[in-house]
Every structure is written in C-alpha cells, then in structure tokens.
Amino acid sequence: MKVVKTDDFLKSLAALPKTIERLYRTQEERFRMNYRDPRLHIKSVRGLAHVLSLRITRRYRAFFYFQNAETAVFFDIDHRKDAYR
C-alpha cells in the first residue's frame, strides 16, 4: 500500500511527542504491509463519508482516506479529545 501524507499531517506529526511519532511509524509499517491488520484498529469516522481512523495509541488517531485501491492519503493526526470535534 502506498501512503501519501499531506503537509498538514506532517506538521501535526512533528508537533507530537517523539514516543507517539515512533508508534505512528510502527503502525504505518503495519498499514503498508497489510491495511487489514486488526492491530491497526481502523474504523470509519461517523458523519464523514470515506474517512477512516487508525489507532496509534488509546489516545491518538491518524485520519486517512483511500485515494484509489493502492493509495491512502493521511491528512490528520491528533489526540482523540481534539480529533472528533
């Protein structure tokens, strides 16, 4: 799976604690190998068609959509309490 990251995503990722950034990179590798891996905890975001969330930790989520069958666009990463507003 090809992963594309928006500029906003990269800025948000850089602002996170380094431990969260490392955990994101682990999850991204799992995603690239098999986006259906249950350890990713991918869920649809209610109210937003085609937007999905990937769990980084219990508190952090990365948001993405599939551009096509082989490309996912990651556009946001944030703390749960802020992300779903």
PDB file of N, CA and C in Angstrom:
ATOM      1  N   MET A   1       0.851  -1.172   0.000  1.00  0.00           N
ATOM      2  CA  MET A   1       0.000   0.000   0.000  1.00  0.00           C
ATOM      3  C   MET A   1       0.897   1.234   0.000  1.00  0.00           C
ATOM      4  N   LYS A   2       0.593   2.167  -0.865  1.00  0.00           N
ATOM      5  CA  LYS A   2       1.318   3.435  -0.912  1.00  0.00           C
ATOM      6  C   LYS A   2       0.658   4.410   0.055  1.00  0.00           C
ATOM      7  N   VAL A   3       1.469   5.135   0.822  1.00  0.00           N
ATOM      8  CA  VAL A   3       0.968   6.112   1.788  1.00  0.00           C
ATOM      9  C   VAL A   3       1.439   7.499   1.365  1.00  0.00           C
ATOM     10  N   VAL A   4       0.484   8.419   1.235  1.00  0.00           N
ATOM     11  CA  VAL A   4       0.772   9.821   0.939  1.00  0.00           C
ATOM     12  C   VAL A   4       0.387  10.618   2.174  1.00  0.00           C
ATOM     13  N   LYS A   5       1.254  11.568   2.562  1.00  0.00           N
ATOM     14  CA  LYS A   5       0.977  12.390   3.746  1.00  0.00           C
ATOM     15  C   LYS A   5       0.874  13.845   3.318  1.00  0.00           C
ATOM     16  N   THR A   6      -0.176  14.521   3.759  1.00  0.00           N
ATOM     17  CA  THR A   6      -0.332  15.934   3.441  1.00  0.00           C
ATOM     18  C   THR A   6       0.631  16.766   4.286  1.00  0.00           C
ATOM     19  N   ASP A   7       0.830  18.014   3.879  1.00  0.00           N
ATOM     20  CA  ASP A   7       1.687  18.918   4.655  1.00  0.00           C
ATOM     21  C   ASP A   7       1.135  19.122   6.062  1.00  0.00           C
ATOM     22  N   ASP A   8      -0.191  19.261   6.174  1.00  0.00           N
ATOM     23  CA  ASP A   8      -0.814  19.426   7.494  1.00  0.00           C
ATOM     24  C   ASP A   8      -0.548  18.214   8.382  1.00  0.00           C
ATOM     25  N   PHE A   9      -0.618  17.031   7.795  1.00  0.00           N
ATOM     26  CA  PHE A   9      -0.341  15.810   8.552  1.00  0.00           C
ATOM     27  C   PHE A   9       1.091  15.830   9.074  1.00  0.00           C
ATOM     28  N   LEU A  10       2.038  16.174   8.217  1.00  0.00           N
ATOM     29  CA  LEU A  10       3.445  16.186   8.621  1.00  0.00           C
ATOM     30  C   LEU A  10       3.706  17.211   9.722  1.00  0.00           C
ATOM     31  N   LYS A  11       3.051  18.369   9.662  1.00  0.00           N
ATOM     32  CA  LYS A  11       3.197  19.382  10.714  1.00  0.00           C
ATOM     33  C   LYS A  11       2.639  18.864  12.037  1.00  0.00           C
ATOM     34  N   SER A  12       1.472  18.235  11.974  1.00  0.00           N
ATOM     35  CA  SER A  12       0.860  17.692  13.192  1.00  0.00           C
ATOM     36  C   SER A  12       1.716  16.580  13.784  1.00  0.00           C
ATOM     37  N   LEU A  13       2.258  15.736  12.928  1.00  0.00           N
ATOM     38  CA  LEU A  13       3.106  14.636  13.388  1.00  0.00           C
ATOM     39  C   LEU A  13       4.364  15.175  14.071  1.00  0.00           C
ATOM     40  N   ALA A  14       4.966  16.200  13.501  1.00  0.00           N
ATOM     41  CA  ALA A  14       6.187  16.778  14.069  1.00  0.00           C
ATOM     42  C   ALA A  14       5.928  17.427  15.429  1.00  0.00           C
ATOM     43  N   ALA A  15       4.706  17.877  15.664  1.00  0.00           N
ATOM     44  CA  ALA A  15       4.367  18.538  16.924  1.00  0.00           C
ATOM     45  C   ALA A  15       4.076  17.553  18.056  1.00  0.00           C
ATOM     46  N   LEU A  16       3.913  16.292  17.732  1.00  0.00           N
ATOM     47  CA  LEU A  16       3.592  15.281  18.742  1.00  0.00           C
ATOM     48  C   LEU A  16       4.840  14.869  19.521  1.00  0.00           C
ATOM     49  N   PRO A  17       4.646  14.299  20.707  1.00  0.00           N
ATOM     50  CA  PRO A  17       5.792  13.746  21.446  1.00  0.00           C
ATOM     51  C   PRO A  17       6.491  12.667  20.609  1.00  0.00           C
ATOM     52  N   LYS A  18       7.783  12.555  20.761  1.00  0.00           N
ATOM     53  CA  LYS A  18       8.579  11.610  19.959  1.00  0.00           C
ATOM     54  C   LYS A  18       8.122  10.164  20.149  1.00  0.00           C
ATOM     55  N   THR A  19       7.661   9.809  21.332  1.00  0.00           N
ATOM     56  CA  THR A  19       7.188   8.435  21.545  1.00  0.00           C
ATOM     57  C   THR A  19       5.974   8.145  20.672  1.00  0.00           C
ATOM     58  N   ILE A  20       5.082   9.114  20.534  1.00  0.00           N
ATOM     59  CA  ILE A  20       3.894   8.934  19.698  1.00  0.00           C
ATOM     60  C   ILE A  20       4.306   8.860  18.234  1.00  0.00           C
ATOM     61  N   GLU A  21       5.272   9.682  17.846  1.00  0.00           N
ATOM     62  CA  GLU A  21       5.763   9.660  16.467  1.00  0.00           C
ATOM     63  C   GLU A  21       6.356   8.293  16.127  1.00  0.00           C
ATOM     64  N   ARG A  22       7.123   7.715  17.048  1.00  0.00           N
ATOM     65  CA  ARG A  22       7.692   6.377  16.818  1.00  0.00           C
ATOM     66  C   ARG A  22       6.594   5.325  16.706  1.00  0.00           C
ATOM     67  N   LEU A  23       5.587   5.411  17.560  1.00  0.00           N
ATOM     68  CA  LEU A  23       4.477   4.460  17.496  1.00  0.00           C
ATOM     69  C   LEU A  23       3.710   4.604  16.185  1.00  0.00           C
ATOM     70  N   TYR A  24       3.555   5.842  15.712  1.00  0.00           N
ATOM     71  CA  TYR A  24       2.903   6.045  14.412  1.00  0.00           C
ATOM     72  C   TYR A  24       3.692   5.328  13.315  1.00  0.00           C
ATOM     73  N   ARG A  25       5.003   5.471  13.321  1.00  0.00           N
ATOM     74  CA  ARG A  25       5.828   4.848  12.275  1.00  0.00           C
ATOM     75  C   ARG A  25       5.664   3.319  12.292  1.00  0.00           C
ATOM     76  N   THR A  26       5.550   2.740  13.470  1.00  0.00           N
ATOM     77  CA  THR A  26       5.305   1.298  13.575  1.00  0.00           C
ATOM     78  C   THR A  26       3.966   0.937  12.949  1.00  0.00           C
ATOM     79  N   GLN A  27       2.939   1.704  13.275  1.00  0.00           N
ATOM     80  CA  GLN A  27       1.613   1.441  12.721  1.00  0.00           C
ATOM     81  C   GLN A  27       1.602   1.660  11.208  1.00  0.00           C
ATOM     82  N   GLU A  28       2.343   2.656  10.741  1.00  0.00           N
ATOM     83  CA  GLU A  28       2.405   2.904   9.297  1.00  0.00           C
ATOM     84  C   GLU A  28       3.020   1.711   8.573  1.00  0.00           C
ATOM     85  N   GLU A  29       4.063   1.126   9.134  1.00  0.00           N
ATOM     86  CA  GLU A  29       4.677  -0.059   8.520  1.00  0.00           C
ATOM     87  C   GLU A  29       3.682  -1.217   8.463  1.00  0.00           C
ATOM     88  N   ARG A  30       2.942  -1.420   9.536  1.00  0.00           N
ATOM     89  CA  ARG A  30       1.909  -2.462   9.528  1.00  0.00           C
ATOM     90  C   ARG A  30       0.881  -2.177   8.445  1.00  0.00           C
ATOM     91  N   PHE A  31       0.491  -0.910   8.336  1.00  0.00           N
ATOM     92  CA  PHE A  31      -0.501  -0.494   7.348  1.00  0.00           C
ATOM     93  C   PHE A  31       0.010  -0.772   5.935  1.00  0.00           C
ATOM     94  N   ARG A  32       1.255  -0.438   5.671  1.00  0.00           N
ATOM     95  CA  ARG A  32       1.825  -0.661   4.337  1.00  0.00           C
ATOM     96  C   ARG A  32       1.847  -2.153   3.990  1.00  0.00           C
ATOM     97  N   MET A  33       2.131  -2.989   4.976  1.00  0.00           N
ATOM     98  CA  MET A  33       2.215  -4.425   4.732  1.00  0.00           C
ATOM     99  C   MET A  33       0.840  -5.056   4.573  1.00  0.00           C
ATOM    100  N   ASN A  34      -0.121  -4.642   5.418  1.00  0.00           N
ATOM    101  CA  ASN A  34      -1.463  -5.216   5.378  1.00  0.00           C
ATOM    102  C   ASN A  34      -2.427  -4.260   6.065  1.00  0.00           C
ATOM    103  N   TYR A  35      -3.129  -3.457   5.289  1.00  0.00           N
ATOM    104  CA  TYR A  35      -4.009  -2.452   5.892  1.00  0.00           C
ATOM    105  C   TYR A  35      -5.212  -3.074   6.594  1.00  0.00           C
ATOM    106  N   ARG A  36      -5.390  -4.360   6.476  1.00  0.00           N
ATOM    107  CA  ARG A  36      -6.482  -5.043   7.177  1.00  0.00           C
ATOM    108  C   ARG A  36      -6.026  -5.689   8.488  1.00  0.00           C
ATOM    109  N   ASP A  37      -4.799  -5.435   8.872  1.00  0.00           N
ATOM    110  CA  ASP A  37      -4.257  -5.980  10.115  1.00  0.00           C
ATOM    111  C   ASP A  37      -5.117  -5.496  11.289  1.00  0.00           C
ATOM    112  N   PRO A  38      -5.669  -6.401  12.093  1.00  0.00           N
ATOM    113  CA  PRO A  38      -6.552  -5.987  13.190  1.00  0.00           C
ATOM    114  C   PRO A  38      -5.853  -5.145  14.261  1.00  0.00           C
ATOM    115  N   ARG A  39      -4.529  -5.200  14.338  1.00  0.00           N
ATOM    116  CA  ARG A  39      -3.804  -4.383  15.319  1.00  0.00           C
ATOM    117  C   ARG A  39      -3.880  -2.890  15.000  1.00  0.00           C
ATOM    118  N   LEU A  40      -4.313  -2.540  13.800  1.00  0.00           N
ATOM    119  CA  LEU A  40      -4.423  -1.132  13.407  1.00  0.00           C
ATOM    120  C   LEU A  40      -5.698  -0.482  13.935  1.00  0.00           C
ATOM    121  N   HIS A  41      -6.694  -1.286  14.251  1.00  0.00           N
ATOM    122  CA  HIS A  41      -7.972  -0.772  14.759  1.00  0.00           C
ATOM    123  C   HIS A  41      -8.528   0.323  13.850  1.00  0.00           C
ATOM    124  N   ILE A  42      -8.652   0.033  12.568  1.00  0.00           N
ATOM    125  CA  ILE A  42      -9.180   1.005  11.607  1.00  0.00           C
ATOM    126  C   ILE A  42     -10.694   1.036  11.724  1.00  0.00           C
ATOM    127  N   LYS A  43     -11.226   2.247  11.817  1.00  0.00           N
ATOM    128  CA  LYS A  43     -12.677   2.441  11.953  1.00  0.00           C
ATOM    129  C   LYS A  43     -13.121   3.569  11.035  1.00  0.00           C
ATOM    130  N   SER A  44     -14.372   3.500  10.601  1.00  0.00           N
ATOM    131  CA  SER A  44     -14.978   4.602   9.852  1.00  0.00           C
ATOM    132  C   SER A  44     -15.275   5.737  10.811  1.00  0.00           C
ATOM    133  N   VAL A  45     -15.140   6.955  10.321  1.00  0.00           N
ATOM    134  CA  VAL A  45     -15.464   8.125  11.133  1.00  0.00           C
ATOM    135  C   VAL A  45     -16.912   8.493  10.842  1.00  0.00           C
ATOM    136  N   ARG A  46     -17.730   8.433  11.874  1.00  0.00           N
ATOM    137  CA  ARG A  46     -19.152   8.711  11.720  1.00  0.00           C
ATOM    138  C   ARG A  46     -19.367  10.138  11.213  1.00  0.00           C
ATOM    139  N   GLY A  47     -20.212  10.273  10.204  1.00  0.00           N
ATOM    140  CA  GLY A  47     -20.555  11.582   9.672  1.00  0.00           C
ATOM    141  C   GLY A  47     -19.636  12.072   8.563  1.00  0.00           C
ATOM    142  N   LEU A  48     -18.554  11.361   8.307  1.00  0.00           N
ATOM    143  CA  LEU A  48     -17.625  11.752   7.243  1.00  0.00           C
ATOM    144  C   LEU A  48     -17.442  10.578   6.285  1.00  0.00           C
ATOM    145  N   ALA A  49     -18.068  10.677   5.147  1.00  0.00           N
ATOM    146  CA  ALA A  49     -18.007   9.592   4.167  1.00  0.00           C
ATOM    147  C   ALA A  49     -16.563   9.349   3.729  1.00  0.00           C
ATOM    148  N   HIS A  50     -16.159   8.115   3.719  1.00  0.00           N
ATOM    149  CA  HIS A  50     -14.863   7.652   3.214  1.00  0.00           C
ATOM    150  C   HIS A  50     -13.665   8.012   4.098  1.00  0.00           C
ATOM    151  N   VAL A  51     -13.889   8.639   5.245  1.00  0.00           N
ATOM    152  CA  VAL A  51     -12.778   8.966   6.149  1.00  0.00           C
ATOM    153  C   VAL A  51     -12.668   7.860   7.195  1.00  0.00           C
ATOM    154  N   LEU A  52     -11.432   7.418   7.423  1.00  0.00           N
ATOM    155  CA  LEU A  52     -11.161   6.339   8.366  1.00  0.00           C
ATOM    156  C   LEU A  52     -10.146   6.808   9.401  1.00  0.00           C
ATOM    157  N   SER A  53     -10.175   6.171  10.563  1.00  0.00           N
ATOM    158  CA  SER A  53      -9.171   6.476  11.588  1.00  0.00           C
ATOM    159  C   SER A  53      -8.367   5.220  11.887  1.00  0.00           C
ATOM    160  N   LEU A  54      -7.108   5.431  12.186  1.00  0.00           N
ATOM    161  CA  LEU A  54      -6.184   4.368  12.537  1.00  0.00           C
ATOM    162  C   LEU A  54      -5.677   4.675  13.940  1.00  0.00           C
ATOM    163  N   ARG A  55      -5.754   3.720  14.829  1.00  0.00           N
ATOM    164  CA  ARG A  55      -5.341   3.942  16.216  1.00  0.00           C
ATOM    165  C   ARG A  55      -3.820   3.887  16.327  1.00  0.00           C
ATOM    166  N   ILE A  56      -3.269   4.936  16.920  1.00  0.00           N
ATOM    167  CA  ILE A  56      -1.834   4.968  17.220  1.00  0.00           C
ATOM    168  C   ILE A  56      -1.634   4.463  18.648  1.00  0.00           C
ATOM    169  N   THR A  57      -2.364   5.066  19.575  1.00  0.00           N
ATOM    170  CA  THR A  57      -2.436   4.610  20.963  1.00  0.00           C
ATOM    171  C   THR A  57      -3.902   4.726  21.350  1.00  0.00           C
ATOM    172  N   ARG A  58      -4.214   4.457  22.591  1.00  0.00           N
ATOM    173  CA  ARG A  58      -5.602   4.627  23.021  1.00  0.00           C
ATOM    174  C   ARG A  58      -6.033   6.085  22.897  1.00  0.00           C
ATOM    175  N   ARG A  59      -5.084   6.996  22.906  1.00  0.00           N
ATOM    176  CA  ARG A  59      -5.415   8.423  22.885  1.00  0.00           C
ATOM    177  C   ARG A  59      -5.193   9.118  21.545  1.00  0.00           C
ATOM    178  N   TYR A  60      -4.366   8.580  20.682  1.00  0.00           N
ATOM    179  CA  TYR A  60      -4.042   9.255  19.420  1.00  0.00           C
ATOM    180  C   TYR A  60      -4.570   8.492  18.213  1.00  0.00           C
ATOM    181  N   ARG A  61      -5.043   9.265  17.218  1.00  0.00           N
ATOM    182  CA  ARG A  61      -5.583   8.695  15.988  1.00  0.00           C
ATOM    183  C   ARG A  61      -4.977   9.395  14.772  1.00  0.00           C
ATOM    184  N   ALA A  62      -4.792   8.635  13.710  1.00  0.00           N
ATOM    185  CA  ALA A  62      -4.405   9.191  12.410  1.00  0.00           C
ATOM    186  C   ALA A  62      -5.610   9.020  11.490  1.00  0.00           C
ATOM    187  N   PHE A  63      -5.887  10.030  10.686  1.00  0.00           N
ATOM    188  CA  PHE A  63      -7.058  10.016   9.809  1.00  0.00           C
ATOM    189  C   PHE A  63      -6.613   9.976   8.355  1.00  0.00           C
ATOM    190  N   PHE A  64      -7.333   9.177   7.571  1.00  0.00           N
ATOM    191  CA  PHE A  64      -6.953   8.992   6.176  1.00  0.00           C
ATOM    192  C   PHE A  64      -8.164   8.606   5.345  1.00  0.00           C
ATOM    193  N   TYR A  65      -7.945   8.591   4.032  1.00  0.00           N
ATOM    194  CA  TYR A  65      -8.939   8.075   3.091  1.00  0.00           C
ATOM    195  C   TYR A  65      -8.183   7.374   1.972  1.00  0.00           C
ATOM    196  N   PHE A  66      -8.868   6.492   1.288  1.00  0.00           N
ATOM    197  CA  PHE A  66      -8.264   5.794   0.164  1.00  0.00           C
ATOM    198  C   PHE A  66      -8.487   6.611  -1.101  1.00  0.00           C
ATOM    199  N   GLN A  67      -7.390   7.016  -1.734  1.00  0.00           N
ATOM    200  CA  GLN A  67      -7.471   7.766  -2.981  1.00  0.00           C
ATOM    201  C   GLN A  67      -7.844   6.825  -4.121  1.00  0.00           C
ATOM    202  N   ASN A  68      -7.288   5.624  -4.077  1.00  0.00           N
ATOM    203  CA  ASN A  68      -7.631   4.551  -5.008  1.00  0.00           C
ATOM    204  C   ASN A  68      -7.300   3.233  -4.310  1.00  0.00           C
ATOM    205  N   ALA A  69      -7.353   2.141  -5.035  1.00  0.00           N
ATOM    206  CA  ALA A  69      -7.161   0.825  -4.413  1.00  0.00           C
ATOM    207  C   ALA A  69      -5.753   0.613  -3.856  1.00  0.00           C
ATOM    208  N   GLU A  70      -4.784   1.429  -4.283  1.00  0.00           N
ATOM    209  CA  GLU A  70      -3.402   1.221  -3.867  1.00  0.00           C
ATOM    210  C   GLU A  70      -2.790   2.390  -3.110  1.00  0.00           C
ATOM    211  N   THR A  71      -3.563   3.462  -2.885  1.00  0.00           N
ATOM    212  CA  THR A  71      -3.018   4.665  -2.257  1.00  0.00           C
ATOM    213  C   THR A  71      -3.921   5.165  -1.143  1.00  0.00           C
ATOM    214  N   ALA A  72      -3.320   5.413   0.022  1.00  0.00           N
ATOM    215  CA  ALA A  72      -4.031   6.008   1.155  1.00  0.00           C
ATOM    216  C   ALA A  72      -3.429   7.380   1.427  1.00  0.00           C
ATOM    217  N   VAL A  73      -4.294   8.365   1.659  1.00  0.00           N
ATOM    218  CA  VAL A  73      -3.850   9.732   1.950  1.00  0.00           C
ATOM    219  C   VAL A  73      -4.107  10.015   3.427  1.00  0.00           C
ATOM    220  N   PHE A  74      -3.036  10.225   4.181  1.00  0.00           N
ATOM    221  CA  PHE A  74      -3.144  10.580   5.596  1.00  0.00           C
ATOM    222  C   PHE A  74      -3.146  12.100   5.692  1.00  0.00           C
ATOM    223  N   PHE A  75      -4.192  12.652   6.330  1.00  0.00           N
ATOM    224  CA  PHE A  75      -4.339  14.106   6.340  1.00  0.00           C
ATOM    225  C   PHE A  75      -4.374  14.721   7.735  1.00  0.00           C
ATOM    226  N   ASP A  76      -4.495  13.916   8.789  1.00  0.00           N
ATOM    227  CA  ASP A  76      -4.503  14.485  10.138  1.00  0.00           C
ATOM    228  C   ASP A  76      -4.101  13.424  11.150  1.00  0.00           C
ATOM    229  N   ILE A  77      -3.483  13.874  12.231  1.00  0.00           N
ATOM    230  CA  ILE A  77      -3.157  13.013  13.364  1.00  0.00           C
ATOM    231  C   ILE A  77      -3.323  13.879  14.600  1.00  0.00           C
ATOM    232  N   ASP A  78      -4.051  13.365  15.589  1.00  0.00           N
ATOM    233  CA  ASP A  78      -4.381  14.216  16.730  1.00  0.00           C
ATOM    234  C   ASP A  78      -4.800  13.366  17.926  1.00  0.00           C
ATOM    235  N   HIS A  79      -4.883  14.016  19.067  1.00  0.00           N
ATOM    236  CA  HIS A  79      -5.401  13.400  20.280  1.00  0.00           C
ATOM    237  C   HIS A  79      -6.902  13.174  20.098  1.00  0.00           C
ATOM    238  N   ARG A  80      -7.409  12.091  20.616  1.00  0.00           N
ATOM    239  CA  ARG A  80      -8.838  11.753  20.480  1.00  0.00           C
ATOM    240  C   ARG A  80      -9.763  12.883  20.892  1.00  0.00           C
ATOM    241  N   LYS A  81      -9.474  13.507  22.012  1.00  0.00           N
ATOM    242  CA  LYS A  81     -10.388  14.528  22.535  1.00  0.00           C
ATOM    243  C   LYS A  81     -10.488  15.732  21.603  1.00  0.00           C
ATOM    244  N   ASP A  82      -9.449  15.974  20.814  1.00  0.00           N
ATOM    245  CA  ASP A  82      -9.463  17.096  19.876  1.00  0.00           C
ATOM    246  C   ASP A  82      -9.872  16.670  18.469  1.00  0.00           C
ATOM    247  N   ALA A  83      -9.610  15.443  18.125  1.00  0.00           N
ATOM    248  CA  ALA A  83      -9.792  14.989  16.751  1.00  0.00           C
ATOM    249  C   ALA A  83     -11.248  14.895  16.312  1.00  0.00           C
ATOM    250  N   TYR A  84     -12.123  14.528  17.203  1.00  0.00           N
ATOM    251  CA  TYR A  84     -13.506  14.274  16.804  1.00  0.00           C
ATOM    252  C   TYR A  84     -14.409  15.487  16.983  1.00  0.00           C
ATOM    253  N   ARG A  85     -13.863  16.659  17.142  1.00  0.00           N
ATOM    254  CA  ARG A  85     -14.669  17.882  17.293  1.00  0.00           C
ATOM    255  C   ARG A  85     -15.073  18.430  15.960  1.00  0.00           C
TER     256      ARG A  85
END
